[in-house]
């Protein structure tokens, strides 16, 4: 599906396609479409976002730069939120001298800690 979305966006280069249009066209959920866009960007594809106006495949440097900066700002906010949660975990559960980093190393940053 990722290749189909990419081909469609390339065929309609510099034409903004709304998320709703893309979801309906490819029968995707919002989350699945966001994952595809994310994966395409990870692959180095210049997919620009235009707020509520959708996405486009573009070689317009300003549009790609604006999307890049938006992603950086969102990532920075997520890191600050994660740091706040880590502080709470450290303050609340570091009662035996064990640091929460031990759990993060054991499960990985993208893993889930099992509740016993």
PDB file of N, CA and C in Angstrom:
ATOM      1  N   UNK A   1       0.822  -1.199   0.000  1.00  0.00           N
ATOM      2  CA  UNK A   1       0.000   0.000   0.000  1.00  0.00           C
ATOM      3  C   UNK A   1       0.867   1.265   0.000  1.00  0.00           C
ATOM      4  N   UNK A   2       2.002   1.190   0.701  1.00  0.00           N
ATOM      5  CA  UNK A   2       2.904   2.334   0.765  1.00  0.00           C
ATOM      6  C   UNK A   2       3.334   2.751  -0.639  1.00  0.00           C
ATOM      7  N   UNK A   3       3.678   1.784  -1.472  1.00  0.00           N
ATOM      8  CA  UNK A   3       4.123   2.085  -2.829  1.00  0.00           C
ATOM      9  C   UNK A   3       3.006   2.714  -3.651  1.00  0.00           C
ATOM     10  N   UNK A   4       1.780   2.262  -3.431  1.00  0.00           N
ATOM     11  CA  UNK A   4       0.633   2.819  -4.161  1.00  0.00           C
ATOM     12  C   UNK A   4       0.387   4.276  -3.778  1.00  0.00           C
ATOM     13  N   UNK A   5       0.472   4.568  -2.492  1.00  0.00           N
ATOM     14  CA  UNK A   5       0.288   5.950  -2.033  1.00  0.00           C
ATOM     15  C   UNK A   5       1.397   6.833  -2.604  1.00  0.00           C
ATOM     16  N   UNK A   6       2.627   6.342  -2.561  1.00  0.00           N
ATOM     17  CA  UNK A   6       3.744   7.109  -3.100  1.00  0.00           C
ATOM     18  C   UNK A   6       3.551   7.372  -4.595  1.00  0.00           C
ATOM     19  N   UNK A   7       3.195   6.356  -5.341  1.00  0.00           N
ATOM     20  CA  UNK A   7       2.998   6.524  -6.784  1.00  0.00           C
ATOM     21  C   UNK A   7       1.901   7.546  -7.070  1.00  0.00           C
ATOM     22  N   UNK A   8       0.820   7.487  -6.299  1.00  0.00           N
ATOM     23  CA  UNK A   8      -0.286   8.438  -6.485  1.00  0.00           C
ATOM     24  C   UNK A   8       0.168   9.870  -6.196  1.00  0.00           C
ATOM     25  N   UNK A   9       0.881  10.050  -5.086  1.00  0.00           N
ATOM     26  CA  UNK A   9       1.361  11.390  -4.743  1.00  0.00           C
ATOM     27  C   UNK A   9       2.354  11.903  -5.780  1.00  0.00           C
ATOM     28  N   UNK A  10       3.228  11.027  -6.279  1.00  0.00           N
ATOM     29  CA  UNK A  10       4.190  11.432  -7.316  1.00  0.00           C
ATOM     30  C   UNK A  10       3.459  11.823  -8.609  1.00  0.00           C
ATOM     31  N   UNK A  11       2.439  11.054  -8.955  1.00  0.00           N
ATOM     32  CA  UNK A  11       1.673  11.340 -10.172  1.00  0.00           C
ATOM     33  C   UNK A  11       0.963  12.691 -10.063  1.00  0.00           C
ATOM     34  N   UNK A  12       0.613  13.080  -8.854  1.00  0.00           N
ATOM     35  CA  UNK A  12      -0.061  14.351  -8.581  1.00  0.00           C
ATOM     36  C   UNK A  12       0.884  15.327  -7.881  1.00  0.00           C
ATOM     37  N   UNK A  13       2.136  15.332  -8.326  1.00  0.00           N
ATOM     38  CA  UNK A  13       3.179  16.143  -7.696  1.00  0.00           C
ATOM     39  C   UNK A  13       2.733  17.595  -7.535  1.00  0.00           C
ATOM     40  N   UNK A  14       3.002  18.134  -6.351  1.00  0.00           N
ATOM     41  CA  UNK A  14       2.691  19.513  -5.984  1.00  0.00           C
ATOM     42  C   UNK A  14       1.196  19.813  -5.897  1.00  0.00           C
ATOM     43  N   UNK A  15       0.371  18.780  -5.915  1.00  0.00           N
ATOM     44  CA  UNK A  15      -1.076  18.946  -5.729  1.00  0.00           C
ATOM     45  C   UNK A  15      -1.400  18.450  -4.321  1.00  0.00           C
ATOM     46  N   UNK A  16      -1.963  19.332  -3.507  1.00  0.00           N
ATOM     47  CA  UNK A  16      -2.307  18.961  -2.134  1.00  0.00           C
ATOM     48  C   UNK A  16      -3.486  17.999  -2.150  1.00  0.00           C
ATOM     49  N   UNK A  17      -3.293  16.867  -1.480  1.00  0.00           N
ATOM     50  CA  UNK A  17      -4.348  15.857  -1.344  1.00  0.00           C
ATOM     51  C   UNK A  17      -4.670  15.718   0.138  1.00  0.00           C
ATOM     52  N   UNK A  18      -5.916  15.930   0.474  1.00  0.00           N
ATOM     53  CA  UNK A  18      -6.304  15.875   1.885  1.00  0.00           C
ATOM     54  C   UNK A  18      -6.159  14.457   2.430  1.00  0.00           C
ATOM     55  N   UNK A  19      -5.977  14.390   3.729  1.00  0.00           N
ATOM     56  CA  UNK A  19      -5.930  13.087   4.378  1.00  0.00           C
ATOM     57  C   UNK A  19      -7.213  12.322   4.144  1.00  0.00           C
ATOM     58  N   UNK A  20      -8.343  13.013   4.186  1.00  0.00           N
ATOM     59  CA  UNK A  20      -9.632  12.364   3.952  1.00  0.00           C
ATOM     60  C   UNK A  20      -9.686  11.770   2.547  1.00  0.00           C
ATOM     61  N   UNK A  21      -9.216  12.518   1.563  1.00  0.00           N
ATOM     62  CA  UNK A  21      -9.195  12.029   0.180  1.00  0.00           C
ATOM     63  C   UNK A  21      -8.326  10.769   0.079  1.00  0.00           C
ATOM     64  N   UNK A  22      -7.131  10.823   0.661  1.00  0.00           N
ATOM     65  CA  UNK A  22      -6.225   9.681   0.594  1.00  0.00           C
ATOM     66  C   UNK A  22      -6.779   8.474   1.345  1.00  0.00           C
ATOM     67  N   UNK A  23      -7.385   8.710   2.507  1.00  0.00           N
ATOM     68  CA  UNK A  23      -7.977   7.600   3.274  1.00  0.00           C
ATOM     69  C   UNK A  23      -9.077   6.928   2.464  1.00  0.00           C
ATOM     70  N   UNK A  24      -9.948   7.731   1.851  1.00  0.00           N
ATOM     71  CA  UNK A  24     -11.043   7.156   1.058  1.00  0.00           C
ATOM     72  C   UNK A  24     -10.525   6.453  -0.185  1.00  0.00           C
ATOM     73  N   UNK A  25      -9.566   7.056  -0.859  1.00  0.00           N
ATOM     74  CA  UNK A  25      -9.045   6.491  -2.098  1.00  0.00           C
ATOM     75  C   UNK A  25      -8.400   5.125  -1.875  1.00  0.00           C
ATOM     76  N   UNK A  26      -7.677   4.996  -0.755  1.00  0.00           N
ATOM     77  CA  UNK A  26      -6.945   3.758  -0.496  1.00  0.00           C
ATOM     78  C   UNK A  26      -7.565   2.913   0.620  1.00  0.00           C
ATOM     79  N   UNK A  27      -8.744   3.324   1.085  1.00  0.00           N
ATOM     80  CA  UNK A  27      -9.459   2.597   2.140  1.00  0.00           C
ATOM     81  C   UNK A  27      -8.561   2.388   3.366  1.00  0.00           C
ATOM     82  N   UNK A  28      -8.032   3.496   3.894  1.00  0.00           N
ATOM     83  CA  UNK A  28      -7.109   3.462   5.023  1.00  0.00           C
ATOM     84  C   UNK A  28      -7.721   4.149   6.237  1.00  0.00           C
ATOM     85  N   UNK A  29      -7.318   3.703   7.399  1.00  0.00           N
ATOM     86  CA  UNK A  29      -7.652   4.429   8.623  1.00  0.00           C
ATOM     87  C   UNK A  29      -6.714   5.627   8.733  1.00  0.00           C
ATOM     88  N   UNK A  30      -7.066   6.557   9.587  1.00  0.00           N
ATOM     89  CA  UNK A  30      -6.209   7.720   9.820  1.00  0.00           C
ATOM     90  C   UNK A  30      -4.833   7.283  10.285  1.00  0.00           C
ATOM     91  N   UNK A  31      -4.786   6.359  11.229  1.00  0.00           N
ATOM     92  CA  UNK A  31      -3.516   5.899  11.782  1.00  0.00           C
ATOM     93  C   UNK A  31      -2.679   5.210  10.712  1.00  0.00           C
ATOM     94  N   UNK A  32      -3.293   4.388   9.875  1.00  0.00           N
ATOM     95  CA  UNK A  32      -2.550   3.696   8.817  1.00  0.00           C
ATOM     96  C   UNK A  32      -1.989   4.702   7.810  1.00  0.00           C
ATOM     97  N   UNK A  33      -2.776   5.711   7.439  1.00  0.00           N
ATOM     98  CA  UNK A  33      -2.277   6.725   6.511  1.00  0.00           C
ATOM     99  C   UNK A  33      -1.105   7.480   7.126  1.00  0.00           C
ATOM    100  N   UNK A  34      -1.223   7.862   8.385  1.00  0.00           N
ATOM    101  CA  UNK A  34      -0.130   8.566   9.058  1.00  0.00           C
ATOM    102  C   UNK A  34       1.127   7.713   9.092  1.00  0.00           C
ATOM    103  N   UNK A  35       0.977   6.421   9.315  1.00  0.00           N
ATOM    104  CA  UNK A  35       2.131   5.514   9.330  1.00  0.00           C
ATOM    105  C   UNK A  35       2.771   5.438   7.949  1.00  0.00           C
ATOM    106  N   UNK A  36       1.969   5.377   6.910  1.00  0.00           N
ATOM    107  CA  UNK A  36       2.511   5.328   5.551  1.00  0.00           C
ATOM    108  C   UNK A  36       3.277   6.608   5.241  1.00  0.00           C
ATOM    109  N   UNK A  37       2.695   7.761   5.572  1.00  0.00           N
ATOM    110  CA  UNK A  37       3.378   9.044   5.339  1.00  0.00           C
ATOM    111  C   UNK A  37       4.687   9.078   6.126  1.00  0.00           C
ATOM    112  N   UNK A  38       4.634   8.640   7.373  1.00  0.00           N
ATOM    113  CA  UNK A  38       5.827   8.584   8.222  1.00  0.00           C
ATOM    114  C   UNK A  38       6.903   7.708   7.568  1.00  0.00           C
ATOM    115  N   UNK A  39       6.519   6.519   7.133  1.00  0.00           N
ATOM    116  CA  UNK A  39       7.476   5.590   6.532  1.00  0.00           C
ATOM    117  C   UNK A  39       8.068   6.145   5.239  1.00  0.00           C
ATOM    118  N   UNK A  40       7.246   6.808   4.432  1.00  0.00           N
ATOM    119  CA  UNK A  40       7.754   7.413   3.201  1.00  0.00           C
ATOM    120  C   UNK A  40       8.779   8.491   3.508  1.00  0.00           C
ATOM    121  N   UNK A  41       8.500   9.285   4.506  1.00  0.00           N
ATOM    122  CA  UNK A  41       9.455  10.323   4.909  1.00  0.00           C
ATOM    123  C   UNK A  41      10.741   9.695   5.430  1.00  0.00           C
ATOM    124  N   UNK A  42      10.626   8.628   6.213  1.00  0.00           N
ATOM    125  CA  UNK A  42      11.821   7.924   6.682  1.00  0.00           C
ATOM    126  C   UNK A  42      12.654   7.422   5.513  1.00  0.00           C
ATOM    127  N   UNK A  43      11.981   7.037   4.441  1.00  0.00           N
ATOM    128  CA  UNK A  43      12.671   6.557   3.236  1.00  0.00           C
ATOM    129  C   UNK A  43      13.290   7.707   2.438  1.00  0.00           C
ATOM    130  N   UNK A  44      13.061   8.946   2.885  1.00  0.00           N
ATOM    131  CA  UNK A  44      13.646  10.095   2.214  1.00  0.00           C
ATOM    132  C   UNK A  44      12.771  10.731   1.153  1.00  0.00           C
ATOM    133  N   UNK A  45      11.511  10.357   1.110  1.00  0.00           N
ATOM    134  CA  UNK A  45      10.594  10.949   0.135  1.00  0.00           C
ATOM    135  C   UNK A  45      10.163  12.330   0.614  1.00  0.00           C
ATOM    136  N   UNK A  46      10.145  13.335  -0.271  1.00  0.00           N
ATOM    137  CA  UNK A  46       9.792  14.703   0.124  1.00  0.00           C
ATOM    138  C   UNK A  46       8.275  14.914   0.185  1.00  0.00           C
ATOM    139  N   UNK A  47       7.663  14.350   1.218  1.00  0.00           N
ATOM    140  CA  UNK A  47       6.218  14.494   1.414  1.00  0.00           C
ATOM    141  C   UNK A  47       6.007  15.679   2.352  1.00  0.00           C
ATOM    142  N   UNK A  48       5.428  16.734   1.814  1.00  0.00           N
ATOM    143  CA  UNK A  48       5.159  17.926   2.618  1.00  0.00           C
ATOM    144  C   UNK A  48       3.743  17.856   3.172  1.00  0.00           C
ATOM    145  N   UNK A  49       3.565  18.453   4.338  1.00  0.00           N
ATOM    146  CA  UNK A  49       2.246  18.546   4.957  1.00  0.00           C
ATOM    147  C   UNK A  49       1.838  20.014   4.986  1.00  0.00           C
ATOM    148  N   UNK A  50       0.545  20.243   4.844  1.00  0.00           N
ATOM    149  CA  UNK A  50       0.023  21.606   4.790  1.00  0.00           C
ATOM    150  C   UNK A  50      -1.105  21.780   5.807  1.00  0.00           C
ATOM    151  N   UNK A  51      -0.821  21.449   7.050  1.00  0.00           N
ATOM    152  CA  UNK A  51      -1.840  21.568   8.096  1.00  0.00           C
ATOM    153  C   UNK A  51      -3.050  20.718   7.750  1.00  0.00           C
ATOM    154  N   UNK A  52      -4.212  21.337   7.749  1.00  0.00           N
ATOM    155  CA  UNK A  52      -5.447  20.619   7.426  1.00  0.00           C
ATOM    156  C   UNK A  52      -5.695  20.526   5.925  1.00  0.00           C
ATOM    157  N   UNK A  53      -4.747  21.010   5.125  1.00  0.00           N
ATOM    158  CA  UNK A  53      -4.917  20.987   3.673  1.00  0.00           C
ATOM    159  C   UNK A  53      -4.286  19.786   3.009  1.00  0.00           C
ATOM    160  N   UNK A  54      -3.730  18.873   3.770  1.00  0.00           N
ATOM    161  CA  UNK A  54      -3.255  17.626   3.211  1.00  0.00           C
ATOM    162  C   UNK A  54      -1.770  17.523   2.992  1.00  0.00           C
ATOM    163  N   UNK A  55      -1.426  16.639   2.070  1.00  0.00           N
ATOM    164  CA  UNK A  55      -0.047  16.284   1.776  1.00  0.00           C
ATOM    165  C   UNK A  55       0.215  16.448   0.291  1.00  0.00           C
ATOM    166  N   UNK A  56       1.487  16.601  -0.044  1.00  0.00           N
ATOM    167  CA  UNK A  56       1.883  16.519  -1.446  1.00  0.00           C
ATOM    168  C   UNK A  56       3.311  16.023  -1.547  1.00  0.00           C
ATOM    169  N   UNK A  57       3.579  15.387  -2.675  1.00  0.00           N
ATOM    170  CA  UNK A  57       4.946  15.058  -3.042  1.00  0.00           C
ATOM    171  C   UNK A  57       5.475  16.281  -3.753  1.00  0.00           C
ATOM    172  N   UNK A  58       6.594  16.830  -3.282  1.00  0.00           N
ATOM    173  CA  UNK A  58       7.052  18.094  -3.851  1.00  0.00           C
ATOM    174  C   UNK A  58       8.566  18.204  -3.822  1.00  0.00           C
ATOM    175  N   UNK A  59       9.082  18.972  -4.746  1.00  0.00           N
ATOM    176  CA  UNK A  59      10.497  19.338  -4.724  1.00  0.00           C
ATOM    177  C   UNK A  59      10.673  20.784  -4.273  1.00  0.00           C
ATOM    178  N   UNK A  60       9.584  21.382  -3.783  1.00  0.00           N
ATOM    179  CA  UNK A  60       9.632  22.757  -3.302  1.00  0.00           C
ATOM    180  C   UNK A  60      10.375  22.777  -1.966  1.00  0.00           C
ATOM    181  N   UNK A  61      11.560  23.363  -1.994  1.00  0.00           N
ATOM    182  CA  UNK A  61      12.423  23.362  -0.807  1.00  0.00           C
ATOM    183  C   UNK A  61      11.757  23.990   0.404  1.00  0.00           C
ATOM    184  N   UNK A  62      11.050  25.081   0.228  1.00  0.00           N
ATOM    185  CA  UNK A  62      10.400  25.757   1.356  1.00  0.00           C
ATOM    186  C   UNK A  62       9.324  24.872   1.979  1.00  0.00           C
ATOM    187  N   UNK A  63       8.544  24.189   1.155  1.00  0.00           N
ATOM    188  CA  UNK A  63       7.493  23.317   1.692  1.00  0.00           C
ATOM    189  C   UNK A  63       8.086  22.141   2.460  1.00  0.00           C
ATOM    190  N   UNK A  64       9.137  21.548   1.912  1.00  0.00           N
ATOM    191  CA  UNK A  64       9.781  20.424   2.593  1.00  0.00           C
ATOM    192  C   UNK A  64      10.436  20.908   3.890  1.00  0.00           C
ATOM    193  N   UNK A  65      11.090  22.058   3.843  1.00  0.00           N
ATOM    194  CA  UNK A  65      11.722  22.610   5.040  1.00  0.00           C
ATOM    195  C   UNK A  65      10.688  22.909   6.118  1.00  0.00           C
ATOM    196  N   UNK A  66       9.560  23.493   5.760  1.00  0.00           N
ATOM    197  CA  UNK A  66       8.508  23.777   6.745  1.00  0.00           C
ATOM    198  C   UNK A  66       7.992  22.493   7.384  1.00  0.00           C
ATOM    199  N   UNK A  67       7.822  21.442   6.582  1.00  0.00           N
ATOM    200  CA  UNK A  67       7.372  20.159   7.135  1.00  0.00           C
ATOM    201  C   UNK A  67       8.429  19.563   8.048  1.00  0.00           C
ATOM    202  N   UNK A  68       9.687  19.665   7.637  1.00  0.00           N
ATOM    203  CA  UNK A  68      10.801  19.184   8.453  1.00  0.00           C
ATOM    204  C   UNK A  68      10.824  19.896   9.809  1.00  0.00           C
ATOM    205  N   UNK A  69      10.731  21.216   9.791  1.00  0.00           N
ATOM    206  CA  UNK A  69      10.770  21.984  11.043  1.00  0.00           C
ATOM    207  C   UNK A  69       9.581  21.663  11.936  1.00  0.00           C
ATOM    208  N   UNK A  70       8.428  21.441  11.337  1.00  0.00           N
ATOM    209  CA  UNK A  70       7.248  21.050  12.103  1.00  0.00           C
ATOM    210  C   UNK A  70       7.477  19.712  12.802  1.00  0.00           C
ATOM    211  N   UNK A  71       8.073  18.765  12.102  1.00  0.00           N
ATOM    212  CA  UNK A  71       8.374  17.467  12.711  1.00  0.00           C
ATOM    213  C   UNK A  71       9.376  17.607  13.853  1.00  0.00           C
ATOM    214  N   UNK A  72      10.390  18.446  13.669  1.00  0.00           N
ATOM    215  CA  UNK A  72      11.387  18.670  14.723  1.00  0.00           C
ATOM    216  C   UNK A  72      10.723  19.261  15.963  1.00  0.00           C
ATOM    217  N   UNK A  73       9.853  20.255  15.776  1.00  0.00           N
ATOM    218  CA  UNK A  73       9.167  20.866  16.931  1.00  0.00           C
ATOM    219  C   UNK A  73       8.300  19.834  17.654  1.00  0.00           C
ATOM    220  N   UNK A  74       7.587  18.994  16.906  1.00  0.00           N
ATOM    221  CA  UNK A  74       6.753  17.964  17.536  1.00  0.00           C
ATOM    222  C   UNK A  74       7.617  16.965  18.300  1.00  0.00           C
ATOM    223  N   UNK A  75       8.754  16.585  17.718  1.00  0.00           N
ATOM    224  CA  UNK A  75       9.649  15.635  18.383  1.00  0.00           C
ATOM    225  C   UNK A  75      10.205  16.225  19.677  1.00  0.00           C
ATOM    226  N   UNK A  76      10.566  17.499  19.653  1.00  0.00           N
ATOM    227  CA  UNK A  76      11.086  18.156  20.860  1.00  0.00           C
ATOM    228  C   UNK A  76      10.033  18.169  21.963  1.00  0.00           C
ATOM    229  N   UNK A  77       8.779  18.437  21.610  1.00  0.00           N
ATOM    230  CA  UNK A  77       7.699  18.425  22.606  1.00  0.00           C
ATOM    231  C   UNK A  77       7.506  17.030  23.180  1.00  0.00           C
ATOM    232  N   UNK A  78       7.608  16.007  22.340  1.00  0.00           N
ATOM    233  CA  UNK A  78       7.453  14.635  22.819  1.00  0.00           C
ATOM    234  C   UNK A  78       8.583  14.258  23.776  1.00  0.00           C
ATOM    235  N   UNK A  79       9.802  14.691  23.478  1.00  0.00           N
ATOM    236  CA  UNK A  79      10.934  14.413  24.360  1.00  0.00           C
ATOM    237  C   UNK A  79      10.728  15.088  25.713  1.00  0.00           C
ATOM    238  N   UNK A  80      10.238  16.332  25.704  1.00  0.00           N
ATOM    239  CA  UNK A  80       9.979  17.025  26.981  1.00  0.00           C
ATOM    240  C   UNK A  80       8.912  16.290  27.788  1.00  0.00           C
ATOM    241  N   UNK A  81       7.876  15.798  27.125  1.00  0.00           N
ATOM    242  CA  UNK A  81       6.832  15.048  27.826  1.00  0.00           C
ATOM    243  C   UNK A  81       7.399  13.744  28.390  1.00  0.00           C
ATOM    244  N   UNK A  82       8.213  13.043  27.602  1.00  0.00           N
ATOM    245  CA  UNK A  82       8.824  11.799  28.070  1.00  0.00           C
ATOM    246  C   UNK A  82       9.752  12.065  29.254  1.00  0.00           C
ATOM    247  N   UNK A  83      10.505  13.161  29.209  1.00  0.00           N
ATOM    248  CA  UNK A  83      11.376  13.520  30.330  1.00  0.00           C
ATOM    249  C   UNK A  83      10.569  13.748  31.607  1.00  0.00           C
ATOM    250  N   UNK A  84       9.418  14.405  31.479  1.00  0.00           N
ATOM    251  CA  UNK A  84       8.558  14.626  32.640  1.00  0.00           C
ATOM    252  C   UNK A  84       8.044  13.316  33.216  1.00  0.00           C
ATOM    253  N   UNK A  85       7.661  12.391  32.346  1.00  0.00           N
ATOM    254  CA  UNK A  85       7.187  11.091  32.836  1.00  0.00           C
ATOM    255  C   UNK A  85       8.318  10.310  33.488  1.00  0.00           C
ATOM    256  N   UNK A  86       9.515  10.399  32.929  1.00  0.00           N
ATOM    257  CA  UNK A  86      10.667   9.714  33.512  1.00  0.00           C
ATOM    258  C   UNK A  86      10.978  10.275  34.892  1.00  0.00           C
ATOM    259  N   UNK A  87      10.879  11.609  35.045  1.00  0.00           N
ATOM    260  CA  UNK A  87      11.112  12.208  36.375  1.00  0.00           C
ATOM    261  C   UNK A  87      10.124  11.635  37.382  1.00  0.00           C
ATOM    262  N   UNK A  88       8.870  11.515  36.991  1.00  0.00           N
ATOM    263  CA  UNK A  88       7.868  10.963  37.899  1.00  0.00           C
ATOM    264  C   UNK A  88       8.211   9.524  38.248  1.00  0.00           C
ATOM    265  N   UNK A  89       8.571   8.735  37.234  1.00  0.00           N
ATOM    266  CA  UNK A  89       8.944   7.344  37.493  1.00  0.00           C
ATOM    267  C   UNK A  89      10.137   7.262  38.432  1.00  0.00           C
ATOM    268  N   UNK A  90      11.155   8.090  38.180  1.00  0.00           N
ATOM    269  CA  UNK A  90      12.343   8.096  39.045  1.00  0.00           C
ATOM    270  C   UNK A  90      11.974   8.473  40.474  1.00  0.00           C
ATOM    271  N   UNK A  91      11.171   9.508  40.643  1.00  0.00           N
ATOM    272  CA  UNK A  91      10.794   9.984  41.977  1.00  0.00           C
ATOM    273  C   UNK A  91       9.904   8.980  42.690  1.00  0.00           C
ATOM    274  N   UNK A  92       9.092   8.257  41.976  1.00  0.00           N
ATOM    275  CA  UNK A  92       8.098   7.385  42.581  1.00  0.00           C
ATOM    276  C   UNK A  92       8.601   5.973  42.819  1.00  0.00           C
ATOM    277  N   UNK A  93       9.400   5.439  41.904  1.00  0.00           N
ATOM    278  CA  UNK A  93       9.724   4.013  41.962  1.00  0.00           C
ATOM    279  C   UNK A  93      11.193   3.701  42.196  1.00  0.00           C
ATOM    280  N   UNK A  94      12.014   4.668  42.455  1.00  0.00           N
ATOM    281  CA  UNK A  94      13.437   4.412  42.670  1.00  0.00           C
ATOM    282  C   UNK A  94      13.705   4.161  44.152  1.00  0.00           C
ATOM    283  N   UNK A  95      12.923   3.230  44.762  1.00  0.00           N
ATOM    284  CA  UNK A  95      13.013   3.023  46.204  1.00  0.00           C
ATOM    285  C   UNK A  95      14.107   2.044  46.618  1.00  0.00           C
ATOM    286  N   UNK A  96      14.579   1.210  45.708  1.00  0.00           N
ATOM    287  CA  UNK A  96      15.615   0.230  46.054  1.00  0.00           C
ATOM    288  C   UNK A  96      16.950   0.573  45.405  1.00  0.00           C
ATOM    289  N   UNK A  97      17.109   1.832  45.003  1.00  0.00           N
ATOM    290  CA  UNK A  97      18.353   2.229  44.375  1.00  0.00           C
ATOM    291  C   UNK A  97      18.468   1.785  42.926  1.00  0.00           C
ATOM    292  N   UNK A  98      17.370   1.201  42.403  1.00  0.00           N
ATOM    293  CA  UNK A  98      17.377   0.790  41.007  1.00  0.00           C
ATOM    294  C   UNK A  98      16.828   1.939  40.183  1.00  0.00           C
ATOM    295  N   UNK A  99      17.500   2.229  39.118  1.00  0.00           N
ATOM    296  CA  UNK A  99      17.105   3.354  38.277  1.00  0.00           C
ATOM    297  C   UNK A  99      16.182   2.860  37.170  1.00  0.00           C
ATOM    298  N   UNK A 100      15.228   3.681  36.784  1.00  0.00           N
ATOM    299  CA  UNK A 100      14.272   3.319  35.736  1.00  0.00           C
ATOM    300  C   UNK A 100      14.971   2.995  34.416  1.00  0.00           C
ATOM    301  N   UNK A 101      16.175   3.519  34.218  1.00  0.00           N
ATOM    302  CA  UNK A 101      16.931   3.232  32.990  1.00  0.00           C
ATOM    303  C   UNK A 101      17.147   1.726  32.838  1.00  0.00           C
ATOM    304  N   UNK A 102      17.253   0.993  33.947  1.00  0.00           N
ATOM    305  CA  UNK A 102      17.402  -0.457  33.886  1.00  0.00           C
ATOM    306  C   UNK A 102      16.236  -1.072  33.127  1.00  0.00           C
ATOM    307  N   UNK A 103      15.030  -0.621  33.432  1.00  0.00           N
ATOM    308  CA  UNK A 103      13.860  -1.139  32.731  1.00  0.00           C
ATOM    309  C   UNK A 103      13.854  -0.712  31.275  1.00  0.00           C
ATOM    310  N   UNK A 104      14.228   0.537  31.014  1.00  0.00           N
ATOM    311  CA  UNK A 104      14.257   1.002  29.631  1.00  0.00           C
ATOM    312  C   UNK A 104      15.256   0.197  28.818  1.00  0.00           C
ATOM    313  N   UNK A 105      16.393  -0.120  29.413  1.00  0.00           N
ATOM    314  CA  UNK A 105      17.384  -0.924  28.709  1.00  0.00           C
ATOM    315  C   UNK A 105      16.875  -2.343  28.469  1.00  0.00           C
ATOM    316  N   UNK A 106      16.136  -2.867  29.432  1.00  0.00           N
ATOM    317  CA  UNK A 106      15.639  -4.232  29.329  1.00  0.00           C
ATOM    318  C   UNK A 106      14.557  -4.353  28.257  1.00  0.00           C
ATOM    319  N   UNK A 107      13.634  -3.391  28.212  1.00  0.00           N
ATOM    320  CA  UNK A 107      12.498  -3.487  27.307  1.00  0.00           C
ATOM    321  C   UNK A 107      12.690  -2.717  26.015  1.00  0.00           C
ATOM    322  N   UNK A 108      13.643  -1.807  25.961  1.00  0.00           N
ATOM    323  CA  UNK A 108      13.832  -0.962  24.787  1.00  0.00           C
ATOM    324  C   UNK A 108      12.885   0.214  24.841  1.00  0.00           C
ATOM    325  N   UNK A 109      13.284   1.297  24.229  1.00  0.00           N
ATOM    326  CA  UNK A 109      12.486   2.528  24.279  1.00  0.00           C
ATOM    327  C   UNK A 109      11.120   2.329  23.660  1.00  0.00           C
ATOM    328  N   UNK A 110      10.984   1.406  22.699  1.00  0.00           N
ATOM    329  CA  UNK A 110       9.678   1.224  22.063  1.00  0.00           C
ATOM    330  C   UNK A 110       8.916   0.040  22.641  1.00  0.00           C
ATOM    331  N   UNK A 111       9.493  -0.624  23.635  1.00  0.00           N
ATOM    332  CA  UNK A 111       8.818  -1.768  24.243  1.00  0.00           C
ATOM    333  C   UNK A 111       7.838  -1.367  25.323  1.00  0.00           C
ATOM    334  N   UNK A 112       7.134  -2.333  25.829  1.00  0.00           N
ATOM    335  CA  UNK A 112       6.168  -2.066  26.876  1.00  0.00           C
ATOM    336  C   UNK A 112       6.591  -2.801  28.122  1.00  0.00           C
ATOM    337  N   UNK A 113       6.487  -2.135  29.244  1.00  0.00           N
ATOM    338  CA  UNK A 113       6.799  -2.752  30.525  1.00  0.00           C
ATOM    339  C   UNK A 113       5.566  -3.521  30.972  1.00  0.00           C
ATOM    340  N   UNK A 114       5.767  -4.782  31.307  1.00  0.00           N
ATOM    341  CA  UNK A 114       4.647  -5.619  31.747  1.00  0.00           C
ATOM    342  C   UNK A 114       4.296  -5.271  33.181  1.00  0.00           C
ATOM    343  N   UNK A 115       3.016  -5.171  33.459  1.00  0.00           N
ATOM    344  CA  UNK A 115       2.551  -4.973  34.832  1.00  0.00           C
ATOM    345  C   UNK A 115       2.408  -6.325  35.501  1.00  0.00           C
ATOM    346  N   UNK A 116       3.113  -6.518  36.586  1.00  0.00           N
ATOM    347  CA  UNK A 116       3.035  -7.821  37.286  1.00  0.00           C
ATOM    348  C   UNK A 116       1.919  -7.835  38.284  1.00  0.00           C
TER     349      UNK A 116
END
